[in-house]
Amino acid sequence: MQEMQKESFLRAYVQSILQRLYGEGFKCAENVPYGGQTFAAVAHKGGFELSKFGMFERFFVLQYLTAIDPMSLRRFSSHCFNYATSAKETPLPLGFFAALVCYPVAIVDVVDQATALAIANETPSKHMGAFEFPVIYELGTRRLFYLGRTPMWGAAYINGFRNEAHRMLSY
């Protein structure tokens, strides 16, 4: 993909997703600095959800990465999750009537088979009252990659996370 065309696709994708998230009540920001890095965009929404038994916050953190492999995906996801926990608005500790989900969205040119298999099968890190749900968006094919199986600890929520990721991040 030519550099200008890639930049155009990337910008169009990020803007489309931010418009969708904003329309769903998310607060959106671009070029968000955190931990020596600048995220392309961050969207945040929180409030009381009876189905989650308290306050629930959602974060979508989008970033273009020149390359991705299973290890760099784990590092990226952890970095985004740390951002989300530091930026949460609910003063309650996670797990005590407060929870959050962070969708780290790695936007890449190409996803290799090993990384596609890893994201589909490896259970994200487990946290008290919080979830990481990493997503990869492949620019060239416009495909989303994310966890395809259901871990025991996430049986009540994973399908909802998959549906939300697909609904909010498809282009």
N, C-alpha and C. Protein backbone atom coordinates (compact mmCIF):
# COMPACT_ATOMS: atom_id res chain seq x y z
N MET A 1 0.86 -1.17 0.00
CA MET A 1 0.00 0.00 0.00
C MET A 1 0.91 1.23 0.00
N GLN A 2 0.61 2.18 -0.86
CA GLN A 2 1.40 3.41 -0.92
C GLN A 2 1.22 4.20 0.37
N GLU A 3 2.27 4.94 0.72
CA GLU A 3 2.28 5.68 1.99
C GLU A 3 1.12 6.66 2.10
N MET A 4 0.86 7.44 1.06
CA MET A 4 -0.24 8.42 1.10
C MET A 4 -1.59 7.74 1.20
N GLN A 5 -1.76 6.65 0.47
CA GLN A 5 -3.01 5.91 0.51
C GLN A 5 -3.22 5.30 1.90
N LYS A 6 -2.14 4.77 2.47
CA LYS A 6 -2.22 4.20 3.82
C LYS A 6 -2.62 5.28 4.83
N GLU A 7 -1.99 6.44 4.77
CA GLU A 7 -2.33 7.55 5.68
C GLU A 7 -3.79 7.94 5.52
N SER A 8 -4.27 7.96 4.29
CA SER A 8 -5.66 8.32 4.01
C SER A 8 -6.61 7.28 4.61
N PHE A 9 -6.32 6.00 4.41
CA PHE A 9 -7.14 4.92 4.99
C PHE A 9 -7.13 5.00 6.51
N LEU A 10 -5.95 5.20 7.08
CA LEU A 10 -5.81 5.26 8.52
C LEU A 10 -6.65 6.41 9.08
N ARG A 11 -6.50 7.59 8.51
CA ARG A 11 -7.24 8.76 8.98
C ARG A 11 -8.75 8.55 8.83
N ALA A 12 -9.17 8.00 7.69
CA ALA A 12 -10.60 7.75 7.45
C ALA A 12 -11.15 6.75 8.47
N TYR A 13 -10.37 5.70 8.75
CA TYR A 13 -10.81 4.70 9.72
C TYR A 13 -10.97 5.32 11.10
N VAL A 14 -9.95 6.01 11.58
CA VAL A 14 -10.00 6.60 12.91
C VAL A 14 -11.15 7.60 13.01
N GLN A 15 -11.33 8.45 12.03
CA GLN A 15 -12.41 9.43 12.07
C GLN A 15 -13.79 8.77 12.06
N SER A 16 -13.93 7.73 11.26
CA SER A 16 -15.21 7.00 11.21
C SER A 16 -15.54 6.37 12.56
N ILE A 17 -14.54 5.76 13.18
CA ILE A 17 -14.76 5.11 14.48
C ILE A 17 -15.07 6.14 15.55
N LEU A 18 -14.35 7.26 15.55
CA LEU A 18 -14.62 8.30 16.54
C LEU A 18 -16.03 8.88 16.37
N GLN A 19 -16.46 9.06 15.14
CA GLN A 19 -17.83 9.55 14.90
C GLN A 19 -18.86 8.57 15.45
N ARG A 20 -18.62 7.29 15.21
CA ARG A 20 -19.54 6.26 15.70
C ARG A 20 -19.58 6.26 17.23
N LEU A 21 -18.41 6.28 17.84
CA LEU A 21 -18.34 6.27 19.30
C LEU A 21 -18.96 7.53 19.89
N TYR A 22 -18.68 8.68 19.30
CA TYR A 22 -19.26 9.94 19.77
C TYR A 22 -20.79 9.86 19.69
N GLY A 23 -21.31 9.29 18.62
CA GLY A 23 -22.74 9.11 18.45
C GLY A 23 -23.35 8.19 19.49
N GLU A 24 -22.53 7.34 20.08
CA GLU A 24 -22.98 6.42 21.13
C GLU A 24 -22.76 6.99 22.53
N GLY A 25 -22.37 8.27 22.60
CA GLY A 25 -22.22 8.92 23.90
C GLY A 25 -20.84 8.89 24.50
N PHE A 26 -19.84 8.46 23.73
CA PHE A 26 -18.47 8.44 24.22
C PHE A 26 -17.86 9.84 24.14
N LYS A 27 -16.97 10.14 25.08
CA LYS A 27 -16.13 11.33 24.99
C LYS A 27 -14.90 10.89 24.20
N CYS A 28 -14.58 11.63 23.16
CA CYS A 28 -13.49 11.24 22.28
C CYS A 28 -12.41 12.31 22.24
N ALA A 29 -11.16 11.85 22.13
CA ALA A 29 -10.02 12.76 22.02
C ALA A 29 -8.99 12.13 21.09
N GLU A 30 -8.27 12.97 20.38
CA GLU A 30 -7.19 12.51 19.51
C GLU A 30 -5.85 12.93 20.09
N ASN A 31 -4.80 12.22 19.68
CA ASN A 31 -3.43 12.53 20.09
C ASN A 31 -3.32 12.65 21.61
N VAL A 32 -3.63 11.57 22.28
CA VAL A 32 -3.64 11.54 23.75
C VAL A 32 -2.31 11.01 24.27
N PRO A 33 -1.54 11.84 24.97
CA PRO A 33 -0.24 11.38 25.49
C PRO A 33 -0.43 10.53 26.75
N TYR A 34 0.39 9.48 26.85
CA TYR A 34 0.41 8.65 28.05
C TYR A 34 1.68 7.82 28.06
N GLY A 35 2.39 7.86 29.13
CA GLY A 35 3.55 7.00 29.34
C GLY A 35 4.59 7.07 28.25
N GLY A 36 4.90 8.26 27.75
CA GLY A 36 5.92 8.40 26.72
C GLY A 36 5.45 8.05 25.32
N GLN A 37 4.18 7.85 25.16
CA GLN A 37 3.59 7.49 23.87
C GLN A 37 2.41 8.40 23.63
N THR A 38 1.99 8.54 22.38
CA THR A 38 0.79 9.30 22.08
C THR A 38 -0.17 8.39 21.33
N PHE A 39 -1.33 8.14 21.92
CA PHE A 39 -2.36 7.33 21.27
C PHE A 39 -3.02 8.16 20.17
N ALA A 40 -3.35 7.52 19.05
CA ALA A 40 -4.03 8.23 17.96
C ALA A 40 -5.37 8.76 18.43
N ALA A 41 -6.09 7.96 19.22
CA ALA A 41 -7.40 8.39 19.71
C ALA A 41 -7.80 7.55 20.92
N VAL A 42 -8.60 8.18 21.78
CA VAL A 42 -9.16 7.51 22.95
C VAL A 42 -10.63 7.90 23.04
N ALA A 43 -11.47 6.92 23.32
CA ALA A 43 -12.89 7.18 23.56
C ALA A 43 -13.25 6.56 24.91
N HIS A 44 -14.05 7.27 25.69
CA HIS A 44 -14.40 6.84 27.04
C HIS A 44 -15.88 7.10 27.30
N LYS A 45 -16.50 6.13 27.95
CA LYS A 45 -17.90 6.28 28.35
C LYS A 45 -18.09 5.52 29.66
N GLY A 46 -18.78 6.13 30.59
CA GLY A 46 -19.03 5.47 31.86
C GLY A 46 -20.40 5.80 32.39
N GLY A 47 -20.85 5.00 33.32
CA GLY A 47 -22.13 5.24 33.96
C GLY A 47 -22.60 3.99 34.68
N PHE A 48 -23.75 4.10 35.31
CA PHE A 48 -24.31 2.98 36.05
C PHE A 48 -24.94 1.99 35.06
N GLU A 49 -24.64 0.70 35.25
CA GLU A 49 -25.25 -0.35 34.44
C GLU A 49 -25.72 -1.46 35.37
N LEU A 50 -27.01 -1.64 35.43
CA LEU A 50 -27.59 -2.66 36.29
C LEU A 50 -27.04 -4.05 35.96
N SER A 51 -26.89 -4.34 34.66
CA SER A 51 -26.40 -5.66 34.25
C SER A 51 -24.95 -5.91 34.69
N LYS A 52 -24.23 -4.84 35.02
CA LYS A 52 -22.85 -4.98 35.49
C LYS A 52 -22.76 -4.75 37.00
N PHE A 53 -23.90 -4.58 37.64
CA PHE A 53 -23.99 -4.44 39.09
C PHE A 53 -23.26 -3.21 39.63
N GLY A 54 -23.29 -2.13 38.89
CA GLY A 54 -22.67 -0.90 39.38
C GLY A 54 -22.17 -0.02 38.27
N MET A 55 -21.17 0.77 38.60
CA MET A 55 -20.57 1.69 37.64
C MET A 55 -19.70 0.90 36.67
N PHE A 56 -19.84 1.22 35.37
CA PHE A 56 -19.09 0.50 34.35
C PHE A 56 -18.53 1.51 33.35
N GLU A 57 -17.23 1.42 33.09
CA GLU A 57 -16.58 2.33 32.16
C GLU A 57 -15.99 1.54 31.00
N ARG A 58 -16.09 2.14 29.81
CA ARG A 58 -15.54 1.56 28.59
C ARG A 58 -14.49 2.50 28.02
N PHE A 59 -13.38 1.94 27.56
CA PHE A 59 -12.33 2.71 26.90
C PHE A 59 -11.98 2.02 25.59
N PHE A 60 -11.92 2.79 24.53
CA PHE A 60 -11.37 2.35 23.25
C PHE A 60 -10.11 3.17 23.04
N VAL A 61 -8.96 2.49 22.88
CA VAL A 61 -7.69 3.17 22.69
C VAL A 61 -7.14 2.72 21.34
N LEU A 62 -7.06 3.65 20.40
CA LEU A 62 -6.64 3.34 19.04
C LEU A 62 -5.23 3.84 18.78
N GLN A 63 -4.43 2.98 18.12
CA GLN A 63 -3.05 3.37 17.81
C GLN A 63 -2.58 2.63 16.57
N TYR A 64 -1.95 3.35 15.65
CA TYR A 64 -1.32 2.72 14.50
C TYR A 64 0.03 2.15 14.94
N LEU A 65 0.28 0.91 14.59
CA LEU A 65 1.56 0.26 14.88
C LEU A 65 2.16 -0.21 13.56
N THR A 66 3.45 0.03 13.37
CA THR A 66 4.08 -0.35 12.11
C THR A 66 4.16 -1.86 11.93
N ALA A 67 4.21 -2.58 13.04
CA ALA A 67 4.26 -4.04 13.00
C ALA A 67 3.66 -4.57 14.29
N ILE A 68 3.21 -5.82 14.24
CA ILE A 68 2.61 -6.44 15.43
C ILE A 68 3.01 -7.91 15.47
N ASP A 69 3.26 -8.41 16.65
CA ASP A 69 3.47 -9.83 16.89
C ASP A 69 2.83 -10.11 18.25
N PRO A 70 2.71 -11.36 18.65
CA PRO A 70 2.02 -11.65 19.91
C PRO A 70 2.60 -10.91 21.13
N MET A 71 3.92 -10.79 21.22
CA MET A 71 4.53 -10.13 22.37
C MET A 71 4.25 -8.62 22.36
N SER A 72 4.40 -7.98 21.21
CA SER A 72 4.14 -6.53 21.15
C SER A 72 2.66 -6.25 21.35
N LEU A 73 1.78 -7.16 20.94
CA LEU A 73 0.35 -7.00 21.19
C LEU A 73 0.06 -7.02 22.69
N ARG A 74 0.69 -7.96 23.42
CA ARG A 74 0.50 -8.02 24.87
C ARG A 74 1.00 -6.75 25.55
N ARG A 75 2.16 -6.25 25.12
CA ARG A 75 2.70 -5.00 25.69
C ARG A 75 1.78 -3.82 25.41
N PHE A 76 1.32 -3.73 24.17
CA PHE A 76 0.42 -2.65 23.77
C PHE A 76 -0.88 -2.72 24.59
N SER A 77 -1.45 -3.90 24.70
CA SER A 77 -2.69 -4.07 25.45
C SER A 77 -2.51 -3.67 26.91
N SER A 78 -1.42 -4.08 27.51
CA SER A 78 -1.15 -3.73 28.90
C SER A 78 -0.99 -2.22 29.07
N HIS A 79 -0.29 -1.59 28.15
CA HIS A 79 -0.09 -0.14 28.21
C HIS A 79 -1.45 0.60 28.11
N CYS A 80 -2.30 0.17 27.20
CA CYS A 80 -3.63 0.77 27.05
C CYS A 80 -4.47 0.54 28.30
N PHE A 81 -4.40 -0.66 28.86
CA PHE A 81 -5.16 -0.97 30.06
C PHE A 81 -4.69 -0.09 31.23
N ASN A 82 -3.39 0.09 31.36
CA ASN A 82 -2.87 0.97 32.42
C ASN A 82 -3.38 2.40 32.24
N TYR A 83 -3.44 2.85 30.99
CA TYR A 83 -4.01 4.16 30.72
C TYR A 83 -5.46 4.21 31.21
N ALA A 84 -6.25 3.21 30.83
CA ALA A 84 -7.68 3.20 31.18
C ALA A 84 -7.87 3.22 32.70
N THR A 85 -7.10 2.43 33.41
CA THR A 85 -7.27 2.41 34.87
C THR A 85 -6.84 3.74 35.50
N SER A 86 -5.88 4.43 34.89
CA SER A 86 -5.47 5.73 35.43
C SER A 86 -6.45 6.84 35.05
N ALA A 87 -7.21 6.64 33.98
CA ALA A 87 -8.13 7.68 33.49
C ALA A 87 -9.58 7.43 33.91
N LYS A 88 -9.85 6.33 34.59
CA LYS A 88 -11.23 6.05 34.98
C LYS A 88 -11.77 7.16 35.87
N GLU A 89 -13.05 7.40 35.76
CA GLU A 89 -13.67 8.50 36.51
C GLU A 89 -14.33 8.05 37.80
N THR A 90 -14.72 6.80 37.87
CA THR A 90 -15.38 6.29 39.06
C THR A 90 -14.36 6.21 40.20
N PRO A 91 -14.66 6.84 41.34
CA PRO A 91 -13.70 6.81 42.45
C PRO A 91 -13.67 5.47 43.18
N LEU A 92 -14.67 4.62 42.96
CA LEU A 92 -14.72 3.33 43.63
C LEU A 92 -13.62 2.41 43.12
N PRO A 93 -13.07 1.56 43.98
CA PRO A 93 -12.06 0.61 43.50
C PRO A 93 -12.72 -0.42 42.58
N LEU A 94 -11.98 -0.86 41.58
CA LEU A 94 -12.49 -1.85 40.64
C LEU A 94 -12.83 -3.14 41.38
N GLY A 95 -13.96 -3.70 41.05
CA GLY A 95 -14.41 -4.93 41.69
C GLY A 95 -15.42 -4.69 42.79
N PHE A 96 -15.55 -3.47 43.24
CA PHE A 96 -16.48 -3.11 44.31
C PHE A 96 -17.51 -2.13 43.76
N PHE A 97 -18.49 -2.66 43.04
CA PHE A 97 -19.54 -1.87 42.38
C PHE A 97 -18.96 -0.96 41.31
N ALA A 98 -17.79 -1.29 40.80
CA ALA A 98 -17.17 -0.56 39.71
C ALA A 98 -16.36 -1.54 38.86
N ALA A 99 -16.45 -1.36 37.53
CA ALA A 99 -15.72 -2.23 36.61
C ALA A 99 -15.40 -1.43 35.36
N LEU A 100 -14.47 -1.97 34.57
CA LEU A 100 -14.18 -1.34 33.29
C LEU A 100 -13.71 -2.38 32.29
N VAL A 101 -13.87 -2.02 31.02
CA VAL A 101 -13.31 -2.80 29.93
C VAL A 101 -12.50 -1.84 29.07
N CYS A 102 -11.33 -2.30 28.67
CA CYS A 102 -10.47 -1.53 27.79
C CYS A 102 -10.30 -2.32 26.49
N TYR A 103 -10.60 -1.66 25.38
CA TYR A 103 -10.39 -2.22 24.04
C TYR A 103 -9.14 -1.57 23.44
N PRO A 104 -7.97 -2.18 23.60
CA PRO A 104 -6.77 -1.67 22.92
C PRO A 104 -6.88 -2.04 21.44
N VAL A 105 -6.89 -1.05 20.56
CA VAL A 105 -7.09 -1.30 19.13
C VAL A 105 -5.79 -1.00 18.40
N ALA A 106 -5.09 -2.05 17.99
CA ALA A 106 -3.86 -1.92 17.22
C ALA A 106 -4.24 -1.89 15.74
N ILE A 107 -3.94 -0.78 15.08
CA ILE A 107 -4.22 -0.63 13.66
C ILE A 107 -2.92 -0.91 12.92
N VAL A 108 -2.93 -1.91 12.07
CA VAL A 108 -1.70 -2.34 11.39
C VAL A 108 -1.96 -2.54 9.90
N ASP A 109 -0.87 -2.57 9.15
CA ASP A 109 -0.98 -2.83 7.71
C ASP A 109 -1.36 -4.28 7.45
N VAL A 110 -0.63 -5.19 8.13
CA VAL A 110 -0.79 -6.63 7.89
C VAL A 110 -0.69 -7.39 9.20
N VAL A 111 -1.52 -8.41 9.35
CA VAL A 111 -1.46 -9.31 10.50
C VAL A 111 -0.95 -10.66 10.01
N ASP A 112 0.15 -11.15 10.60
CA ASP A 112 0.65 -12.46 10.20
C ASP A 112 -0.17 -13.55 10.88
N GLN A 113 -0.03 -14.77 10.40
CA GLN A 113 -0.84 -15.88 10.88
C GLN A 113 -0.61 -16.17 12.37
N ALA A 114 0.62 -16.09 12.83
CA ALA A 114 0.91 -16.38 14.25
C ALA A 114 0.20 -15.38 15.16
N THR A 115 0.18 -14.11 14.77
CA THR A 115 -0.48 -13.08 15.58
C THR A 115 -1.99 -13.23 15.51
N ALA A 116 -2.52 -13.56 14.34
CA ALA A 116 -3.96 -13.78 14.20
C ALA A 116 -4.41 -14.94 15.09
N LEU A 117 -3.62 -16.01 15.10
CA LEU A 117 -3.95 -17.16 15.96
C LEU A 117 -3.83 -16.80 17.43
N ALA A 118 -2.81 -16.02 17.78
CA ALA A 118 -2.61 -15.65 19.18
C ALA A 118 -3.77 -14.81 19.70
N ILE A 119 -4.19 -13.81 18.96
CA ILE A 119 -5.27 -12.95 19.46
C ILE A 119 -6.59 -13.71 19.51
N ALA A 120 -6.79 -14.65 18.61
CA ALA A 120 -8.03 -15.43 18.60
C ALA A 120 -8.10 -16.44 19.73
N ASN A 121 -6.93 -16.90 20.21
CA ASN A 121 -6.92 -18.01 21.17
C ASN A 121 -6.37 -17.72 22.55
N GLU A 122 -5.51 -16.70 22.68
CA GLU A 122 -4.89 -16.43 23.98
C GLU A 122 -5.80 -15.56 24.84
N THR A 123 -6.04 -16.01 26.04
CA THR A 123 -6.87 -15.26 26.98
C THR A 123 -6.12 -14.01 27.43
N PRO A 124 -6.77 -12.84 27.32
CA PRO A 124 -6.11 -11.61 27.81
C PRO A 124 -5.88 -11.69 29.32
N SER A 125 -5.02 -10.81 29.81
CA SER A 125 -4.75 -10.76 31.24
C SER A 125 -6.03 -10.58 32.03
N LYS A 126 -6.08 -11.24 33.18
CA LYS A 126 -7.24 -11.18 34.06
C LYS A 126 -6.97 -10.12 35.12
N HIS A 127 -8.00 -9.34 35.44
CA HIS A 127 -7.89 -8.27 36.43
C HIS A 127 -9.11 -8.29 37.33
N MET A 128 -8.97 -7.76 38.51
CA MET A 128 -10.10 -7.64 39.45
C MET A 128 -11.05 -6.55 38.96
N GLY A 129 -12.25 -6.94 38.55
CA GLY A 129 -13.27 -5.97 38.14
C GLY A 129 -12.95 -5.23 36.87
N ALA A 130 -12.04 -5.76 36.04
CA ALA A 130 -11.66 -5.07 34.81
C ALA A 130 -11.26 -6.09 33.74
N PHE A 131 -11.38 -5.67 32.50
CA PHE A 131 -11.12 -6.57 31.38
C PHE A 131 -10.30 -5.85 30.32
N GLU A 132 -9.36 -6.59 29.74
CA GLU A 132 -8.65 -6.16 28.53
C GLU A 132 -9.26 -6.96 27.39
N PHE A 133 -9.62 -6.30 26.32
CA PHE A 133 -10.13 -7.00 25.15
C PHE A 133 -9.42 -6.44 23.91
N PRO A 134 -8.17 -6.91 23.67
CA PRO A 134 -7.41 -6.37 22.54
C PRO A 134 -8.04 -6.71 21.19
N VAL A 135 -7.89 -5.76 20.28
CA VAL A 135 -8.43 -5.89 18.93
C VAL A 135 -7.34 -5.44 17.96
N ILE A 136 -7.24 -6.14 16.84
CA ILE A 136 -6.35 -5.71 15.76
C ILE A 136 -7.22 -5.38 14.55
N TYR A 137 -6.97 -4.22 13.95
CA TYR A 137 -7.63 -3.84 12.70
C TYR A 137 -6.57 -3.83 11.60
N GLU A 138 -6.78 -4.65 10.58
CA GLU A 138 -5.85 -4.74 9.46
C GLU A 138 -6.31 -3.78 8.36
N LEU A 139 -5.51 -2.76 8.08
CA LEU A 139 -5.89 -1.72 7.13
C LEU A 139 -6.19 -2.25 5.73
N GLY A 140 -5.30 -3.09 5.22
CA GLY A 140 -5.44 -3.55 3.83
C GLY A 140 -6.70 -4.34 3.57
N THR A 141 -7.11 -5.17 4.52
CA THR A 141 -8.28 -6.04 4.32
C THR A 141 -9.52 -5.55 5.05
N ARG A 142 -9.33 -4.55 5.93
CA ARG A 142 -10.41 -4.03 6.77
C ARG A 142 -11.00 -5.10 7.68
N ARG A 143 -10.16 -6.03 8.11
CA ARG A 143 -10.59 -7.12 9.00
C ARG A 143 -10.27 -6.80 10.43
N LEU A 144 -11.13 -7.28 11.33
CA LEU A 144 -10.91 -7.19 12.77
C LEU A 144 -10.48 -8.56 13.28
N PHE A 145 -9.56 -8.56 14.22
CA PHE A 145 -9.12 -9.78 14.89
C PHE A 145 -9.27 -9.56 16.38
N TYR A 146 -9.86 -10.55 17.07
CA TYR A 146 -10.01 -10.47 18.52
C TYR A 146 -10.28 -11.86 19.06
N LEU A 147 -10.38 -11.98 20.38
CA LEU A 147 -10.56 -13.27 21.04
C LEU A 147 -11.80 -13.98 20.52
N GLY A 148 -11.60 -15.20 20.05
CA GLY A 148 -12.71 -15.96 19.50
C GLY A 148 -13.27 -17.01 20.44
N ARG A 149 -12.51 -17.37 21.45
CA ARG A 149 -13.00 -18.38 22.41
C ARG A 149 -13.43 -17.70 23.70
N THR A 150 -14.09 -18.45 24.56
CA THR A 150 -14.60 -17.87 25.80
C THR A 150 -13.90 -18.49 27.00
N PRO A 151 -13.09 -17.69 27.71
CA PRO A 151 -12.47 -18.20 28.94
C PRO A 151 -13.52 -18.37 30.03
N MET A 152 -13.30 -19.32 30.95
CA MET A 152 -14.29 -19.57 32.00
C MET A 152 -14.59 -18.31 32.81
N TRP A 153 -13.56 -17.53 33.15
CA TRP A 153 -13.79 -16.35 33.98
C TRP A 153 -14.55 -15.26 33.24
N GLY A 154 -14.63 -15.36 31.92
CA GLY A 154 -15.29 -14.30 31.16
C GLY A 154 -16.59 -14.70 30.50
N ALA A 155 -17.12 -15.86 30.88
CA ALA A 155 -18.30 -16.38 30.20
C ALA A 155 -19.49 -15.42 30.21
N ALA A 156 -19.62 -14.64 31.27
CA ALA A 156 -20.77 -13.73 31.37
C ALA A 156 -20.62 -12.48 30.51
N TYR A 157 -19.38 -12.16 30.10
CA TYR A 157 -19.15 -10.87 29.43
C TYR A 157 -18.55 -10.95 28.03
N ILE A 158 -17.80 -11.99 27.72
CA ILE A 158 -17.01 -12.03 26.49
C ILE A 158 -17.86 -11.85 25.24
N ASN A 159 -19.02 -12.50 25.16
CA ASN A 159 -19.85 -12.31 23.96
C ASN A 159 -20.25 -10.86 23.79
N GLY A 160 -20.56 -10.18 24.87
CA GLY A 160 -20.89 -8.77 24.81
C GLY A 160 -19.71 -7.94 24.35
N PHE A 161 -18.50 -8.27 24.82
CA PHE A 161 -17.30 -7.55 24.40
C PHE A 161 -17.04 -7.77 22.90
N ARG A 162 -17.20 -9.03 22.45
CA ARG A 162 -17.01 -9.32 21.02
C ARG A 162 -18.00 -8.53 20.18
N ASN A 163 -19.27 -8.56 20.59
CA ASN A 163 -20.30 -7.84 19.83
C ASN A 163 -20.03 -6.34 19.81
N GLU A 164 -19.63 -5.78 20.96
CA GLU A 164 -19.35 -4.34 21.02
C GLU A 164 -18.14 -3.99 20.16
N ALA A 165 -17.09 -4.79 20.22
CA ALA A 165 -15.90 -4.54 19.40
C ALA A 165 -16.27 -4.57 17.92
N HIS A 166 -17.04 -5.56 17.51
CA HIS A 166 -17.42 -5.67 16.11
C HIS A 166 -18.31 -4.51 15.68
N ARG A 167 -19.27 -4.17 16.50
CA ARG A 167 -20.22 -3.09 16.17
C ARG A 167 -19.52 -1.73 16.11
N MET A 168 -18.62 -1.47 17.03
CA MET A 168 -17.99 -0.15 17.10
C MET A 168 -16.78 -0.01 16.18
N LEU A 169 -16.08 -1.10 15.88
CA LEU A 169 -14.79 -1.00 15.19
C LEU A 169 -14.78 -1.49 13.75
N SER A 170 -15.87 -2.05 13.27
CA SER A 170 -15.92 -2.49 11.87
C SER A 170 -15.99 -1.27 10.96
N TYR A 171 -15.39 -1.42 9.77
CA TYR A 171 -15.36 -0.29 8.83
C TYR A 171 -15.57 -0.80 7.43
